[in-house]
Amino acid sequence: MIAPIDLKATFIPNDGEFFRVKLALEIAIDEVVNEPGCIRYELTEASEEKLVLTERWASEADLDKHSKGTAVQDLNESLSALLAEPVQLERL
C-alpha cells in the first residue's frame, strides 16, 4: 500500500492583502478538492500574518499531477503580487 503524502503550505500576505490571498486560496480549494487523489486540501489556519493550507494526496503521482495542473498555475498567478515571500511548502 502506498502511504499518503501530507503537506503544509504557508502563505505570508503583504500588508493589507490578507483577504485577497484568502479568496484566491478559497477559489483554488474549490477546484482542487475534486482532483484525483486529493484526500485533503483545506485552509487550517488564517490570520493577518499567515495562512496555512494542509494537503493530503493519495500518491506521489497524484501530487505531481496536481502540482502541474491549472488550479496551481492559476493560484500562483493570482498570488504573484500578494505575498510578502515565496510559499513555504513542507512535507509532514
PDB file of N, CA and C in Angstrom:
ATOM      1  N   MET A   1       0.829  -1.181   0.000  1.00  0.00           N
ATOM      2  CA  MET A   1       0.000   0.000   0.000  1.00  0.00           C
ATOM      3  C   MET A   1       0.882   1.256   0.000  1.00  0.00           C
ATOM      4  N   ILE A   2       0.489   2.235  -0.778  1.00  0.00           N
ATOM      5  CA  ILE A   2       1.230   3.490  -0.868  1.00  0.00           C
ATOM      6  C   ILE A   2       0.767   4.412   0.256  1.00  0.00           C
ATOM      7  N   ALA A   3       1.743   4.954   0.980  1.00  0.00           N
ATOM      8  CA  ALA A   3       1.411   5.888   2.065  1.00  0.00           C
ATOM      9  C   ALA A   3       1.021   7.237   1.475  1.00  0.00           C
ATOM     10  N   PRO A   4      -0.003   7.862   2.018  1.00  0.00           N
ATOM     11  CA  PRO A   4      -0.387   9.189   1.531  1.00  0.00           C
ATOM     12  C   PRO A   4       0.702  10.224   1.827  1.00  0.00           C
ATOM     13  N   ILE A   5       0.687  11.292   1.064  1.00  0.00           N
ATOM     14  CA  ILE A   5       1.656  12.373   1.219  1.00  0.00           C
ATOM     15  C   ILE A   5       0.956  13.554   1.864  1.00  0.00           C
ATOM     16  N   ASP A   6       1.515  14.020   2.980  1.00  0.00           N
ATOM     17  CA  ASP A   6       0.969  15.165   3.699  1.00  0.00           C
ATOM     18  C   ASP A   6       1.878  16.371   3.512  1.00  0.00           C
ATOM     19  N   LEU A   7       1.255  17.500   3.248  1.00  0.00           N
ATOM     20  CA  LEU A   7       1.989  18.742   3.035  1.00  0.00           C
ATOM     21  C   LEU A   7       1.348  19.879   3.812  1.00  0.00           C
ATOM     22  N   LYS A   8       2.168  20.876   4.102  1.00  0.00           N
ATOM     23  CA  LYS A   8       1.675  22.110   4.696  1.00  0.00           C
ATOM     24  C   LYS A   8       2.252  23.254   3.877  1.00  0.00           C
ATOM     25  N   ALA A   9       1.376  24.094   3.344  1.00  0.00           N
ATOM     26  CA  ALA A   9       1.801  25.264   2.576  1.00  0.00           C
ATOM     27  C   ALA A   9       1.457  26.510   3.378  1.00  0.00           C
ATOM     28  N   THR A  10       2.467  27.352   3.610  1.00  0.00           N
ATOM     29  CA  THR A  10       2.275  28.570   4.384  1.00  0.00           C
ATOM     30  C   THR A  10       2.410  29.779   3.471  1.00  0.00           C
ATOM     31  N   PHE A  11       1.422  30.654   3.547  1.00  0.00           N
ATOM     32  CA  PHE A  11       1.354  31.854   2.720  1.00  0.00           C
ATOM     33  C   PHE A  11       1.440  33.073   3.630  1.00  0.00           C
ATOM     34  N   ILE A  12       2.380  33.973   3.351  1.00  0.00           N
ATOM     35  CA  ILE A  12       2.554  35.193   4.129  1.00  0.00           C
ATOM     36  C   ILE A  12       2.104  36.368   3.250  1.00  0.00           C
ATOM     37  N   PRO A  13       0.917  36.919   3.517  1.00  0.00           N
ATOM     38  CA  PRO A  13       0.420  38.004   2.669  1.00  0.00           C
ATOM     39  C   PRO A  13       1.153  39.324   2.907  1.00  0.00           C
ATOM     40  N   ASN A  14       1.226  40.132   1.868  1.00  0.00           N
ATOM     41  CA  ASN A  14       1.688  41.505   2.032  1.00  0.00           C
ATOM     42  C   ASN A  14       0.713  42.224   2.952  1.00  0.00           C
ATOM     43  N   ASP A  15       1.172  43.306   3.583  1.00  0.00           N
ATOM     44  CA  ASP A  15       0.289  44.107   4.436  1.00  0.00           C
ATOM     45  C   ASP A  15      -0.957  44.509   3.658  1.00  0.00           C
ATOM     46  N   GLY A  16      -2.110  44.277   4.259  1.00  0.00           N
ATOM     47  CA  GLY A  16      -3.371  44.669   3.660  1.00  0.00           C
ATOM     48  C   GLY A  16      -3.912  43.724   2.597  1.00  0.00           C
ATOM     49  N   GLU A  17      -3.237  42.609   2.344  1.00  0.00           N
ATOM     50  CA  GLU A  17      -3.660  41.685   1.280  1.00  0.00           C
ATOM     51  C   GLU A  17      -4.248  40.372   1.794  1.00  0.00           C
ATOM     52  N   PHE A  18      -4.465  40.283   3.110  1.00  0.00           N
ATOM     53  CA  PHE A  18      -4.961  39.037   3.689  1.00  0.00           C
ATOM     54  C   PHE A  18      -6.224  38.530   2.987  1.00  0.00           C
ATOM     55  N   PHE A  19      -7.210  39.388   2.820  1.00  0.00           N
ATOM     56  CA  PHE A  19      -8.489  38.930   2.273  1.00  0.00           C
ATOM     57  C   PHE A  19      -8.369  38.511   0.805  1.00  0.00           C
ATOM     58  N   ARG A  20      -7.509  39.167   0.048  1.00  0.00           N
ATOM     59  CA  ARG A  20      -7.309  38.773  -1.351  1.00  0.00           C
ATOM     60  C   ARG A  20      -6.592  37.420  -1.436  1.00  0.00           C
ATOM     61  N   VAL A  21      -5.615  37.195  -0.558  1.00  0.00           N
ATOM     62  CA  VAL A  21      -4.920  35.906  -0.526  1.00  0.00           C
ATOM     63  C   VAL A  21      -5.904  34.815  -0.108  1.00  0.00           C
ATOM     64  N   LYS A  22      -6.689  35.071   0.905  1.00  0.00           N
ATOM     65  CA  LYS A  22      -7.665  34.082   1.384  1.00  0.00           C
ATOM     66  C   LYS A  22      -8.672  33.744   0.292  1.00  0.00           C
ATOM     67  N   LEU A  23      -9.156  34.739  -0.429  1.00  0.00           N
ATOM     68  CA  LEU A  23     -10.099  34.496  -1.517  1.00  0.00           C
ATOM     69  C   LEU A  23      -9.466  33.654  -2.617  1.00  0.00           C
ATOM     70  N   ALA A  24      -8.238  33.958  -2.987  1.00  0.00           N
ATOM     71  CA  ALA A  24      -7.543  33.168  -4.016  1.00  0.00           C
ATOM     72  C   ALA A  24      -7.401  31.715  -3.574  1.00  0.00           C
ATOM     73  N   LEU A  25      -7.083  31.499  -2.308  1.00  0.00           N
ATOM     74  CA  LEU A  25      -6.958  30.136  -1.783  1.00  0.00           C
ATOM     75  C   LEU A  25      -8.309  29.427  -1.780  1.00  0.00           C
ATOM     76  N   GLU A  26      -9.359  30.121  -1.386  1.00  0.00           N
ATOM     77  CA  GLU A  26     -10.691  29.500  -1.364  1.00  0.00           C
ATOM     78  C   GLU A  26     -11.135  29.085  -2.765  1.00  0.00           C
ATOM     79  N   ILE A  27     -10.825  29.898  -3.764  1.00  0.00           N
ATOM     80  CA  ILE A  27     -11.153  29.547  -5.152  1.00  0.00           C
ATOM     81  C   ILE A  27     -10.387  28.295  -5.562  1.00  0.00           C
ATOM     82  N   ALA A  28      -9.095  28.246  -5.226  1.00  0.00           N
ATOM     83  CA  ALA A  28      -8.274  27.078  -5.572  1.00  0.00           C
ATOM     84  C   ALA A  28      -8.778  25.827  -4.851  1.00  0.00           C
ATOM     85  N   ILE A  29      -9.130  25.957  -3.599  1.00  0.00           N
ATOM     86  CA  ILE A  29      -9.622  24.820  -2.814  1.00  0.00           C
ATOM     87  C   ILE A  29     -10.850  24.214  -3.484  1.00  0.00           C
ATOM     88  N   ASP A  30     -11.771  25.059  -3.923  1.00  0.00           N
ATOM     89  CA  ASP A  30     -12.984  24.567  -4.588  1.00  0.00           C
ATOM     90  C   ASP A  30     -12.665  23.710  -5.809  1.00  0.00           C
ATOM     91  N   GLU A  31     -11.589  24.053  -6.512  1.00  0.00           N
ATOM     92  CA  GLU A  31     -11.190  23.283  -7.694  1.00  0.00           C
ATOM     93  C   GLU A  31     -10.414  22.022  -7.312  1.00  0.00           C
ATOM     94  N   VAL A  32      -9.463  22.179  -6.413  1.00  0.00           N
ATOM     95  CA  VAL A  32      -8.520  21.101  -6.109  1.00  0.00           C
ATOM     96  C   VAL A  32      -9.179  19.923  -5.398  1.00  0.00           C
ATOM     97  N   VAL A  33     -10.162  20.168  -4.549  1.00  0.00           N
ATOM     98  CA  VAL A  33     -10.768  19.058  -3.803  1.00  0.00           C
ATOM     99  C   VAL A  33     -11.383  18.005  -4.732  1.00  0.00           C
ATOM    100  N   ASN A  34     -11.627  18.354  -5.978  1.00  0.00           N
ATOM    101  CA  ASN A  34     -12.190  17.399  -6.934  1.00  0.00           C
ATOM    102  C   ASN A  34     -11.138  16.715  -7.792  1.00  0.00           C
ATOM    103  N   GLU A  35      -9.866  17.041  -7.583  1.00  0.00           N
ATOM    104  CA  GLU A  35      -8.805  16.411  -8.362  1.00  0.00           C
ATOM    105  C   GLU A  35      -8.604  14.965  -7.903  1.00  0.00           C
ATOM    106  N   PRO A  36      -8.250  14.088  -8.838  1.00  0.00           N
ATOM    107  CA  PRO A  36      -7.977  12.694  -8.465  1.00  0.00           C
ATOM    108  C   PRO A  36      -6.849  12.609  -7.430  1.00  0.00           C
ATOM    109  N   GLY A  37      -7.062  11.826  -6.410  1.00  0.00           N
ATOM    110  CA  GLY A  37      -6.044  11.597  -5.392  1.00  0.00           C
ATOM    111  C   GLY A  37      -6.020  12.619  -4.274  1.00  0.00           C
ATOM    112  N   CYS A  38      -6.848  13.653  -4.350  1.00  0.00           N
ATOM    113  CA  CYS A  38      -6.891  14.657  -3.288  1.00  0.00           C
ATOM    114  C   CYS A  38      -7.721  14.112  -2.135  1.00  0.00           C
ATOM    115  N   ILE A  39      -7.070  13.929  -0.998  1.00  0.00           N
ATOM    116  CA  ILE A  39      -7.744  13.444   0.196  1.00  0.00           C
ATOM    117  C   ILE A  39      -8.122  14.623   1.104  1.00  0.00           C
ATOM    118  N   ARG A  40      -7.215  15.596   1.153  1.00  0.00           N
ATOM    119  CA  ARG A  40      -7.461  16.781   1.991  1.00  0.00           C
ATOM    120  C   ARG A  40      -6.771  17.975   1.352  1.00  0.00           C
ATOM    121  N   TYR A  41      -7.473  19.075   1.306  1.00  0.00           N
ATOM    122  CA  TYR A  41      -6.929  20.334   0.783  1.00  0.00           C
ATOM    123  C   TYR A  41      -7.750  21.432   1.421  1.00  0.00           C
ATOM    124  N   GLU A  42      -7.282  21.897   2.582  1.00  0.00           N
ATOM    125  CA  GLU A  42      -8.098  22.852   3.324  1.00  0.00           C
ATOM    126  C   GLU A  42      -7.251  23.884   4.059  1.00  0.00           C
ATOM    127  N   LEU A  43      -7.846  25.032   4.231  1.00  0.00           N
ATOM    128  CA  LEU A  43      -7.245  26.106   4.993  1.00  0.00           C
ATOM    129  C   LEU A  43      -7.399  25.761   6.462  1.00  0.00           C
ATOM    130  N   THR A  44      -6.283  25.610   7.171  1.00  0.00           N
ATOM    131  CA  THR A  44      -6.342  25.186   8.566  1.00  0.00           C
ATOM    132  C   THR A  44      -5.932  26.281   9.539  1.00  0.00           C
ATOM    133  N   GLU A  45      -5.381  27.365   9.018  1.00  0.00           N
ATOM    134  CA  GLU A  45      -5.007  28.490   9.876  1.00  0.00           C
ATOM    135  C   GLU A  45      -5.070  29.752   9.033  1.00  0.00           C
ATOM    136  N   ALA A  46      -5.673  30.789   9.564  1.00  0.00           N
ATOM    137  CA  ALA A  46      -5.761  32.045   8.826  1.00  0.00           C
ATOM    138  C   ALA A  46      -5.708  33.215   9.793  1.00  0.00           C
ATOM    139  N   SER A  47      -4.677  34.028   9.641  1.00  0.00           N
ATOM    140  CA  SER A  47      -4.551  35.258  10.416  1.00  0.00           C
ATOM    141  C   SER A  47      -3.973  36.309   9.476  1.00  0.00           C
ATOM    142  N   GLU A  48      -3.941  37.529   9.924  1.00  0.00           N
ATOM    143  CA  GLU A  48      -3.390  38.608   9.092  1.00  0.00           C
ATOM    144  C   GLU A  48      -1.922  38.332   8.741  1.00  0.00           C
ATOM    145  N   GLU A  49      -1.221  37.552   9.567  1.00  0.00           N
ATOM    146  CA  GLU A  49       0.208  37.287   9.358  1.00  0.00           C
ATOM    147  C   GLU A  49       0.481  36.115   8.427  1.00  0.00           C
ATOM    148  N   LYS A  50      -0.408  35.106   8.444  1.00  0.00           N
ATOM    149  CA  LYS A  50      -0.162  33.936   7.594  1.00  0.00           C
ATOM    150  C   LYS A  50      -1.425  33.118   7.410  1.00  0.00           C
ATOM    151  N   LEU A  51      -1.425  32.368   6.322  1.00  0.00           N
ATOM    152  CA  LEU A  51      -2.489  31.400   6.048  1.00  0.00           C
ATOM    153  C   LEU A  51      -1.807  30.060   5.807  1.00  0.00           C
ATOM    154  N   VAL A  52      -2.384  29.001   6.360  1.00  0.00           N
ATOM    155  CA  VAL A  52      -1.797  27.669   6.223  1.00  0.00           C
ATOM    156  C   VAL A  52      -2.805  26.749   5.542  1.00  0.00           C
ATOM    157  N   LEU A  53      -2.335  26.107   4.495  1.00  0.00           N
ATOM    158  CA  LEU A  53      -3.133  25.153   3.741  1.00  0.00           C
ATOM    159  C   LEU A  53      -2.565  23.768   4.014  1.00  0.00           C
ATOM    160  N   THR A  54      -3.404  22.841   4.464  1.00  0.00           N
ATOM    161  CA  THR A  54      -2.973  21.477   4.745  1.00  0.00           C
ATOM    162  C   THR A  54      -3.472  20.576   3.625  1.00  0.00           C
ATOM    163  N   GLU A  55      -2.547  19.771   3.103  1.00  0.00           N
ATOM    164  CA  GLU A  55      -2.858  18.903   1.966  1.00  0.00           C
ATOM    165  C   GLU A  55      -2.553  17.447   2.299  1.00  0.00           C
ATOM    166  N   ARG A  56      -3.323  16.545   1.699  1.00  0.00           N
ATOM    167  CA  ARG A  56      -3.020  15.112   1.749  1.00  0.00           C
ATOM    168  C   ARG A  56      -3.358  14.545   0.381  1.00  0.00           C
ATOM    169  N   TRP A  57      -2.391  13.835  -0.179  1.00  0.00           N
ATOM    170  CA  TRP A  57      -2.530  13.243  -1.511  1.00  0.00           C
ATOM    171  C   TRP A  57      -2.352  11.736  -1.418  1.00  0.00           C
ATOM    172  N   ALA A  58      -3.104  11.017  -2.229  1.00  0.00           N
ATOM    173  CA  ALA A  58      -3.081   9.553  -2.196  1.00  0.00           C
ATOM    174  C   ALA A  58      -1.743   8.985  -2.660  1.00  0.00           C
ATOM    175  N   SER A  59      -1.061   9.693  -3.575  1.00  0.00           N
ATOM    176  CA  SER A  59       0.206   9.174  -4.092  1.00  0.00           C
ATOM    177  C   SER A  59       1.074  10.315  -4.606  1.00  0.00           C
ATOM    178  N   GLU A  60       2.328  10.006  -4.813  1.00  0.00           N
ATOM    179  CA  GLU A  60       3.271  10.962  -5.394  1.00  0.00           C
ATOM    180  C   GLU A  60       2.825  11.360  -6.795  1.00  0.00           C
ATOM    181  N   ALA A  61       2.283  10.418  -7.546  1.00  0.00           N
ATOM    182  CA  ALA A  61       1.813  10.700  -8.907  1.00  0.00           C
ATOM    183  C   ALA A  61       0.647  11.695  -8.881  1.00  0.00           C
ATOM    184  N   ASP A  62      -0.275  11.535  -7.927  1.00  0.00           N
ATOM    185  CA  ASP A  62      -1.389  12.471  -7.807  1.00  0.00           C
ATOM    186  C   ASP A  62      -0.894  13.871  -7.433  1.00  0.00           C
ATOM    187  N   LEU A  63       0.055  13.941  -6.516  1.00  0.00           N
ATOM    188  CA  LEU A  63       0.630  15.223  -6.114  1.00  0.00           C
ATOM    189  C   LEU A  63       1.337  15.880  -7.288  1.00  0.00           C
ATOM    190  N   ASP A  64       2.087  15.088  -8.049  1.00  0.00           N
ATOM    191  CA  ASP A  64       2.817  15.614  -9.198  1.00  0.00           C
ATOM    192  C   ASP A  64       1.855  16.187 -10.242  1.00  0.00           C
ATOM    193  N   LYS A  65       0.786  15.452 -10.503  1.00  0.00           N
ATOM    194  CA  LYS A  65      -0.215  15.915 -11.462  1.00  0.00           C
ATOM    195  C   LYS A  65      -0.859  17.215 -10.961  1.00  0.00           C
ATOM    196  N   HIS A  66      -1.180  17.275  -9.673  1.00  0.00           N
ATOM    197  CA  HIS A  66      -1.753  18.478  -9.073  1.00  0.00           C
ATOM    198  C   HIS A  66      -0.795  19.659  -9.215  1.00  0.00           C
ATOM    199  N   SER A  67       0.478  19.429  -8.925  1.00  0.00           N
ATOM    200  CA  SER A  67       1.481  20.498  -8.958  1.00  0.00           C
ATOM    201  C   SER A  67       1.627  21.129 -10.333  1.00  0.00           C
ATOM    202  N   LYS A  68       1.342  20.353 -11.357  1.00  0.00           N
ATOM    203  CA  LYS A  68       1.467  20.834 -12.735  1.00  0.00           C
ATOM    204  C   LYS A  68       0.131  21.281 -13.327  1.00  0.00           C
ATOM    205  N   GLY A  69      -0.939  21.176 -12.537  1.00  0.00           N
ATOM    206  CA  GLY A  69      -2.281  21.447 -13.028  1.00  0.00           C
ATOM    207  C   GLY A  69      -2.642  22.922 -13.095  1.00  0.00           C
ATOM    208  N   THR A  70      -3.764  23.187 -13.719  1.00  0.00           N
ATOM    209  CA  THR A  70      -4.203  24.567 -13.925  1.00  0.00           C
ATOM    210  C   THR A  70      -4.595  25.259 -12.624  1.00  0.00           C
ATOM    211  N   ALA A  71      -5.134  24.530 -11.665  1.00  0.00           N
ATOM    212  CA  ALA A  71      -5.532  25.167 -10.400  1.00  0.00           C
ATOM    213  C   ALA A  71      -4.320  25.784  -9.701  1.00  0.00           C
ATOM    214  N   VAL A  72      -3.206  25.068  -9.675  1.00  0.00           N
ATOM    215  CA  VAL A  72      -1.988  25.585  -9.035  1.00  0.00           C
ATOM    216  C   VAL A  72      -1.415  26.737  -9.858  1.00  0.00           C
ATOM    217  N   GLN A  73      -1.409  26.602 -11.168  1.00  0.00           N
ATOM    218  CA  GLN A  73      -0.912  27.688 -12.021  1.00  0.00           C
ATOM    219  C   GLN A  73      -1.739  28.951 -11.826  1.00  0.00           C
ATOM    220  N   ASP A  74      -3.062  28.797 -11.803  1.00  0.00           N
ATOM    221  CA  ASP A  74      -3.948  29.945 -11.596  1.00  0.00           C
ATOM    222  C   ASP A  74      -3.724  30.571 -10.220  1.00  0.00           C
ATOM    223  N   LEU A  75      -3.560  29.726  -9.205  1.00  0.00           N
ATOM    224  CA  LEU A  75      -3.331  30.232  -7.851  1.00  0.00           C
ATOM    225  C   LEU A  75      -2.018  31.000  -7.791  1.00  0.00           C
ATOM    226  N   ASN A  76      -0.957  30.438  -8.344  1.00  0.00           N
ATOM    227  CA  ASN A  76       0.341  31.112  -8.328  1.00  0.00           C
ATOM    228  C   ASN A  76       0.263  32.463  -9.033  1.00  0.00           C
ATOM    229  N   GLU A  77      -0.458  32.507 -10.132  1.00  0.00           N
ATOM    230  CA  GLU A  77      -0.621  33.764 -10.856  1.00  0.00           C
ATOM    231  C   GLU A  77      -1.409  34.775 -10.011  1.00  0.00           C
ATOM    232  N   SER A  78      -2.477  34.315  -9.377  1.00  0.00           N
ATOM    233  CA  SER A  78      -3.296  35.200  -8.535  1.00  0.00           C
ATOM    234  C   SER A  78      -2.510  35.766  -7.364  1.00  0.00           C
ATOM    235  N   LEU A  79      -1.591  34.964  -6.823  1.00  0.00           N
ATOM    236  CA  LEU A  79      -0.858  35.364  -5.625  1.00  0.00           C
ATOM    237  C   LEU A  79       0.454  36.082  -5.911  1.00  0.00           C
ATOM    238  N   SER A  80       0.853  36.159  -7.167  1.00  0.00           N
ATOM    239  CA  SER A  80       2.193  36.648  -7.513  1.00  0.00           C
ATOM    240  C   SER A  80       2.533  38.006  -6.903  1.00  0.00           C
ATOM    241  N   ALA A  81       1.577  38.916  -6.798  1.00  0.00           N
ATOM    242  CA  ALA A  81       1.860  40.246  -6.241  1.00  0.00           C
ATOM    243  C   ALA A  81       1.297  40.429  -4.832  1.00  0.00           C
ATOM    244  N   LEU A  82       0.736  39.370  -4.264  1.00  0.00           N
ATOM    245  CA  LEU A  82       0.058  39.499  -2.971  1.00  0.00           C
ATOM    246  C   LEU A  82       0.851  38.965  -1.788  1.00  0.00           C
ATOM    247  N   LEU A  83       1.930  38.236  -2.054  1.00  0.00           N
ATOM    248  CA  LEU A  83       2.676  37.585  -0.972  1.00  0.00           C
ATOM    249  C   LEU A  83       3.969  38.321  -0.644  1.00  0.00           C
ATOM    250  N   ALA A  84       4.283  38.363   0.652  1.00  0.00           N
ATOM    251  CA  ALA A  84       5.499  39.017   1.123  1.00  0.00           C
ATOM    252  C   ALA A  84       6.738  38.160   0.876  1.00  0.00           C
ATOM    253  N   GLU A  85       6.535  36.857   0.721  1.00  0.00           N
ATOM    254  CA  GLU A  85       7.648  35.928   0.474  1.00  0.00           C
ATOM    255  C   GLU A  85       7.099  34.709  -0.247  1.00  0.00           C
ATOM    256  N   PRO A  86       7.994  33.916  -0.857  1.00  0.00           N
ATOM    257  CA  PRO A  86       7.513  32.717  -1.557  1.00  0.00           C
ATOM    258  C   PRO A  86       6.773  31.765  -0.612  1.00  0.00           C
ATOM    259  N   VAL A  87       5.872  30.996  -1.182  1.00  0.00           N
ATOM    260  CA  VAL A  87       5.122  29.994  -0.412  1.00  0.00           C
ATOM    261  C   VAL A  87       6.106  29.015   0.220  1.00  0.00           C
ATOM    262  N   GLN A  88       5.893  28.709   1.489  1.00  0.00           N
ATOM    263  CA  GLN A  88       6.720  27.744   2.197  1.00  0.00           C
ATOM    264  C   GLN A  88       5.985  26.402   2.158  1.00  0.00           C
ATOM    265  N   LEU A  89       6.542  25.446   1.433  1.00  0.00           N
ATOM    266  CA  LEU A  89       5.916  24.130   1.300  1.00  0.00           C
ATOM    267  C   LEU A  89       6.734  23.126   2.102  1.00  0.00           C
ATOM    268  N   GLU A  90       6.057  22.423   3.002  1.00  0.00           N
ATOM    269  CA  GLU A  90       6.727  21.493   3.908  1.00  0.00           C
ATOM    270  C   GLU A  90       6.032  20.136   3.854  1.00  0.00           C
ATOM    271  N   ARG A  91       6.832  19.088   3.664  1.00  0.00           N
ATOM    272  CA  ARG A  91       6.292  17.729   3.754  1.00  0.00           C
ATOM    273  C   ARG A  91       6.263  17.336   5.217  1.00  0.00           C
ATOM    274  N   LEU A  92       5.148  16.748   5.615  1.00  0.00           N
ATOM    275  CA  LEU A  92       4.977  16.363   7.029  1.00  0.00           C
ATOM    276  C   LEU A  92       5.243  14.895   7.242  1.00  0.00           C
TER     277      LEU A  92
END
